[in-house]
Amino acid sequence: QLNGSGLTVQASPLSRALKGAISFDNLSGASASQRKGDKRILYASETAARAVGGQITLHAFDAGKLAVGMPIRYLGID
């Protein structure tokens, strides 16, 4: 993000990126009323996720079998 205060960069560790890490984030304006059983979508990029709304961050040891658009279940939340 570039603004009058300077440049802000958020990046995951390089080792995770090389292993196919997935980033999730709580976007401002995203609904905080997610309930158990609600579905989450894995987007190809942060830009694509921000274009539609909600996004979460999860760091996994091995995410090699994940694919864009596949359903994810984490701690009982879809």
C-alpha atoms as a PDB file:
ATOM      1  CA  GLN A   1       0.000   0.000   0.000  1.00  0.00           C
ATOM      2  CA  LEU A   2       1.430   3.363  -0.965  1.00  0.00           C
ATOM      3  CA  ASN A   3       0.104   6.524   0.660  1.00  0.00           C
ATOM      4  CA  GLY A   4       1.332   9.843   2.078  1.00  0.00           C
ATOM      5  CA  SER A   5       2.933   8.025   5.014  1.00  0.00           C
ATOM      6  CA  GLY A   6       5.082   5.821   2.795  1.00  0.00           C
ATOM      7  CA  LEU A   7       4.987   2.261   1.542  1.00  0.00           C
ATOM      8  CA  THR A   8       3.525  -0.652   3.527  1.00  0.00           C
ATOM      9  CA  VAL A   9       4.326  -4.206   2.446  1.00  0.00           C
ATOM     10  CA  GLN A  10       2.924  -7.394   3.965  1.00  0.00           C
ATOM     11  CA  ALA A  11       4.660 -10.595   2.937  1.00  0.00           C
ATOM     12  CA  SER A  12       4.748 -14.153   4.208  1.00  0.00           C
ATOM     13  CA  PRO A  13       8.119 -15.831   4.826  1.00  0.00           C
ATOM     14  CA  LEU A  14       9.802 -16.845   1.563  1.00  0.00           C
ATOM     15  CA  SER A  15      10.034 -20.505   2.608  1.00  0.00           C
ATOM     16  CA  ARG A  16       6.247 -20.654   2.961  1.00  0.00           C
ATOM     17  CA  ALA A  17       5.680 -18.936  -0.356  1.00  0.00           C
ATOM     18  CA  LEU A  18       7.938 -21.463  -2.072  1.00  0.00           C
ATOM     19  CA  LYS A  19       5.960 -24.331  -0.501  1.00  0.00           C
ATOM     20  CA  GLY A  20       2.686 -22.898  -1.814  1.00  0.00           C
ATOM     21  CA  ALA A  21       1.528 -21.062   1.312  1.00  0.00           C
ATOM     22  CA  ILE A  22      -1.926 -19.563   1.417  1.00  0.00           C
ATOM     23  CA  SER A  23      -2.621 -16.221   3.080  1.00  0.00           C
ATOM     24  CA  PHE A  24      -5.878 -15.342   4.749  1.00  0.00           C
ATOM     25  CA  ASP A  25      -6.815 -11.915   6.128  1.00  0.00           C
ATOM     26  CA  ASN A  26      -9.687 -10.105   7.857  1.00  0.00           C
ATOM     27  CA  LEU A  27     -10.482  -7.384   5.349  1.00  0.00           C
ATOM     28  CA  SER A  28     -11.978  -4.170   6.638  1.00  0.00           C
ATOM     29  CA  GLY A  29     -15.686  -4.184   5.911  1.00  0.00           C
ATOM     30  CA  ALA A  30     -15.796  -7.994   5.894  1.00  0.00           C
ATOM     31  CA  SER A  31     -18.643  -9.571   7.812  1.00  0.00           C
ATOM     32  CA  ALA A  32     -17.720 -10.570  11.366  1.00  0.00           C
ATOM     33  CA  SER A  33     -20.903 -12.620  11.621  1.00  0.00           C
ATOM     34  CA  GLN A  34     -19.518 -15.788  10.036  1.00  0.00           C
ATOM     35  CA  ARG A  35     -21.078 -18.861  11.626  1.00  0.00           C
ATOM     36  CA  LYS A  36     -20.025 -22.483  11.796  1.00  0.00           C
ATOM     37  CA  GLY A  37     -20.927 -24.100   8.504  1.00  0.00           C
ATOM     38  CA  ASP A  38     -20.464 -20.927   6.439  1.00  0.00           C
ATOM     39  CA  LYS A  39     -18.437 -21.577   3.270  1.00  0.00           C
ATOM     40  CA  ARG A  40     -15.114 -19.898   2.438  1.00  0.00           C
ATOM     41  CA  ILE A  41     -13.671 -19.547  -1.055  1.00  0.00           C
ATOM     42  CA  LEU A  42      -9.970 -19.833  -1.937  1.00  0.00           C
ATOM     43  CA  TYR A  43      -9.133 -17.075  -4.455  1.00  0.00           C
ATOM     44  CA  ALA A  44      -6.210 -17.004  -6.867  1.00  0.00           C
ATOM     45  CA  SER A  45      -4.939 -13.696  -5.468  1.00  0.00           C
ATOM     46  CA  GLU A  46      -5.548 -11.091  -2.773  1.00  0.00           C
ATOM     47  CA  THR A  47      -6.825  -8.731  -5.457  1.00  0.00           C
ATOM     48  CA  ALA A  48      -9.484 -11.249  -6.510  1.00  0.00           C
ATOM     49  CA  ALA A  49     -10.516 -11.823  -2.890  1.00  0.00           C
ATOM     50  CA  ARG A  50     -10.774  -8.105  -2.141  1.00  0.00           C
ATOM     51  CA  ALA A  51     -12.959  -7.659  -5.214  1.00  0.00           C
ATOM     52  CA  VAL A  52     -15.701  -9.784  -3.642  1.00  0.00           C
ATOM     53  CA  GLY A  53     -15.291  -9.261   0.110  1.00  0.00           C
ATOM     54  CA  GLY A  54     -14.332 -11.692   2.881  1.00  0.00           C
ATOM     55  CA  GLN A  55     -10.936 -13.330   3.256  1.00  0.00           C
ATOM     56  CA  ILE A  56      -9.087 -15.159   6.101  1.00  0.00           C
ATOM     57  CA  THR A  57      -5.398 -16.107   6.679  1.00  0.00           C
ATOM     58  CA  LEU A  58      -4.203 -19.632   7.481  1.00  0.00           C
ATOM     59  CA  HIS A  59      -0.612 -20.894   7.474  1.00  0.00           C
ATOM     60  CA  ALA A  60      -0.319 -24.632   6.841  1.00  0.00           C
ATOM     61  CA  PHE A  61       2.698 -26.931   7.056  1.00  0.00           C
ATOM     62  CA  ASP A  62       1.859 -28.585   3.728  1.00  0.00           C
ATOM     63  CA  ALA A  63      -0.618 -26.966   1.350  1.00  0.00           C
ATOM     64  CA  GLY A  64       0.566 -28.776  -1.776  1.00  0.00           C
ATOM     65  CA  LYS A  65      -2.813 -30.373  -2.495  1.00  0.00           C
ATOM     66  CA  LEU A  66      -4.834 -27.131  -2.294  1.00  0.00           C
ATOM     67  CA  ALA A  67      -6.252 -25.620  -5.460  1.00  0.00           C
ATOM     68  CA  VAL A  68      -7.981 -22.381  -6.359  1.00  0.00           C
ATOM     69  CA  GLY A  69     -11.706 -22.522  -5.577  1.00  0.00           C
ATOM     70  CA  MET A  70     -11.607 -25.722  -3.503  1.00  0.00           C
ATOM     71  CA  PRO A  71     -13.546 -25.820  -0.207  1.00  0.00           C
ATOM     72  CA  ILE A  72     -11.502 -25.513   3.003  1.00  0.00           C
ATOM     73  CA  ARG A  73     -12.447 -26.690   6.500  1.00  0.00           C
ATOM     74  CA  TYR A  74     -10.336 -25.338   9.401  1.00  0.00           C
ATOM     75  CA  LEU A  75     -11.191 -25.772  13.089  1.00  0.00           C
ATOM     76  CA  GLY A  76     -14.722 -26.806  12.129  1.00  0.00           C
ATOM     77  CA  ILE A  77     -15.303 -23.779   9.901  1.00  0.00           C
ATOM     78  CA  ASP A  78     -15.900 -24.233   6.157  1.00  0.00           C
END
